[in-house]
Amino acid sequence: MKFFIAEGNIGSGATREQAEAVVARLREKGWDVAYGLSPNRATEIEEFGKEEHFLDRFADDFMACLDEMGM
């Protein structure tokens, strides 16, 4: 799946630099993520119908990433 992160996903007062740092960290963890505002979407045929599973796993890694980065 392709995920998108922007300042609003991190919290009020977040900067573009912080959002880009989160994107970079999630890429290191193997996620297909980019900076921006766009709906998350399945990109591979085997992902269709399993979006909720991927969203749950991504949310867990996203929150862990924010904790690791002190955000």
C-alpha atoms as a PDB file:
ATOM      1  CA  MET A   1       0.000   0.000   0.000  1.00  0.00           C
ATOM      2  CA  LYS A   2       0.997   3.579  -0.546  1.00  0.00           C
ATOM      3  CA  PHE A   3       0.685   5.836   2.506  1.00  0.00           C
ATOM      4  CA  PHE A   4       0.930   9.622   2.737  1.00  0.00           C
ATOM      5  CA  ILE A   5       2.042  11.671   5.741  1.00  0.00           C
ATOM      6  CA  ALA A   6       1.830  15.442   6.245  1.00  0.00           C
ATOM      7  CA  GLU A   7       2.111  17.770   9.213  1.00  0.00           C
ATOM      8  CA  GLY A   8      -1.535  17.282  10.194  1.00  0.00           C
ATOM      9  CA  ASN A   9      -0.968  13.558  10.696  1.00  0.00           C
ATOM     10  CA  ILE A  10       1.667  14.263  13.333  1.00  0.00           C
ATOM     11  CA  GLY A  11      -0.102  16.921  15.381  1.00  0.00           C
ATOM     12  CA  SER A  12      -0.674  20.616  15.740  1.00  0.00           C
ATOM     13  CA  GLY A  13       2.451  22.659  15.372  1.00  0.00           C
ATOM     14  CA  ALA A  14       4.309  19.968  13.419  1.00  0.00           C
ATOM     15  CA  THR A  15       6.640  21.173  10.690  1.00  0.00           C
ATOM     16  CA  ARG A  16       7.254  19.893   7.192  1.00  0.00           C
ATOM     17  CA  GLU A  17      10.741  18.845   8.291  1.00  0.00           C
ATOM     18  CA  GLN A  18       9.255  16.706  11.079  1.00  0.00           C
ATOM     19  CA  ALA A  19       6.784  15.119   8.657  1.00  0.00           C
ATOM     20  CA  GLU A  20       9.577  14.361   6.200  1.00  0.00           C
ATOM     21  CA  ALA A  21      11.656  12.828   9.006  1.00  0.00           C
ATOM     22  CA  VAL A  22       8.748  10.533   9.906  1.00  0.00           C
ATOM     23  CA  VAL A  23       8.371   9.588   6.235  1.00  0.00           C
ATOM     24  CA  ALA A  24      12.077   8.737   6.050  1.00  0.00           C
ATOM     25  CA  ARG A  25      11.909   6.630   9.220  1.00  0.00           C
ATOM     26  CA  LEU A  26       8.871   4.699   7.978  1.00  0.00           C
ATOM     27  CA  ARG A  27      10.621   4.067   4.655  1.00  0.00           C
ATOM     28  CA  GLU A  28      13.534   2.609   6.632  1.00  0.00           C
ATOM     29  CA  LYS A  29      11.012   0.223   8.183  1.00  0.00           C
ATOM     30  CA  GLY A  30       9.973  -0.881   4.694  1.00  0.00           C
ATOM     31  CA  TRP A  31       6.774   1.090   4.157  1.00  0.00           C
ATOM     32  CA  ASP A  32       5.857   2.718   0.842  1.00  0.00           C
ATOM     33  CA  VAL A  33       5.220   6.199   2.217  1.00  0.00           C
ATOM     34  CA  ALA A  34       5.545   9.722   0.831  1.00  0.00           C
ATOM     35  CA  TYR A  35       5.111  13.262   2.073  1.00  0.00           C
ATOM     36  CA  GLY A  36       1.768  14.752   1.110  1.00  0.00           C
ATOM     37  CA  LEU A  37      -1.971  14.774   1.376  1.00  0.00           C
ATOM     38  CA  SER A  38      -3.592  11.986  -0.567  1.00  0.00           C
ATOM     39  CA  PRO A  39      -5.727   8.994   0.334  1.00  0.00           C
ATOM     40  CA  ASN A  40      -3.803   5.872   1.291  1.00  0.00           C
ATOM     41  CA  ARG A  41      -4.350   3.225  -1.364  1.00  0.00           C
ATOM     42  CA  ALA A  42      -3.642  -0.365  -2.251  1.00  0.00           C
ATOM     43  CA  THR A  43      -1.012  -0.599  -4.983  1.00  0.00           C
ATOM     44  CA  GLU A  44      -0.580  -4.349  -5.447  1.00  0.00           C
ATOM     45  CA  ILE A  45      -3.313  -6.757  -6.535  1.00  0.00           C
ATOM     46  CA  GLU A  46      -2.775  -8.947  -3.456  1.00  0.00           C
ATOM     47  CA  GLU A  47      -3.457  -5.936  -1.187  1.00  0.00           C
ATOM     48  CA  PHE A  48      -7.001  -5.355  -2.431  1.00  0.00           C
ATOM     49  CA  GLY A  49      -9.516  -6.487   0.149  1.00  0.00           C
ATOM     50  CA  LYS A  50      -6.819  -6.489   2.848  1.00  0.00           C
ATOM     51  CA  GLU A  51      -6.498  -2.723   3.262  1.00  0.00           C
ATOM     52  CA  GLU A  52      -7.680  -2.764   6.877  1.00  0.00           C
ATOM     53  CA  HIS A  53      -4.943  -5.249   7.817  1.00  0.00           C
ATOM     54  CA  PHE A  54      -2.255  -3.041   6.254  1.00  0.00           C
ATOM     55  CA  LEU A  55      -3.727   0.106   7.803  1.00  0.00           C
ATOM     56  CA  ASP A  56      -3.595  -1.479  11.269  1.00  0.00           C
ATOM     57  CA  ARG A  57       0.030  -2.564  10.843  1.00  0.00           C
ATOM     58  CA  PHE A  58       1.004   0.842   9.458  1.00  0.00           C
ATOM     59  CA  ALA A  59      -0.741   2.655  12.314  1.00  0.00           C
ATOM     60  CA  ASP A  60       1.232   0.591  14.835  1.00  0.00           C
ATOM     61  CA  ASP A  61       4.552   1.408  13.125  1.00  0.00           C
ATOM     62  CA  PHE A  62       3.551   5.059  12.683  1.00  0.00           C
ATOM     63  CA  MET A  63       2.784   5.474  16.400  1.00  0.00           C
ATOM     64  CA  ALA A  64       5.991   3.633  17.373  1.00  0.00           C
ATOM     65  CA  CYS A  65       7.937   5.917  15.047  1.00  0.00           C
ATOM     66  CA  LEU A  66       6.449   9.028  16.663  1.00  0.00           C
ATOM     67  CA  ASP A  67       7.401   7.667  20.106  1.00  0.00           C
ATOM     68  CA  GLU A  68      10.948   6.863  18.963  1.00  0.00           C
ATOM     69  CA  MET A  69      11.343  10.372  17.547  1.00  0.00           C
ATOM     70  CA  GLY A  70       9.855  12.027  20.633  1.00  0.00           C
ATOM     71  CA  MET A  71       6.872  13.568  18.857  1.00  0.00           C
END
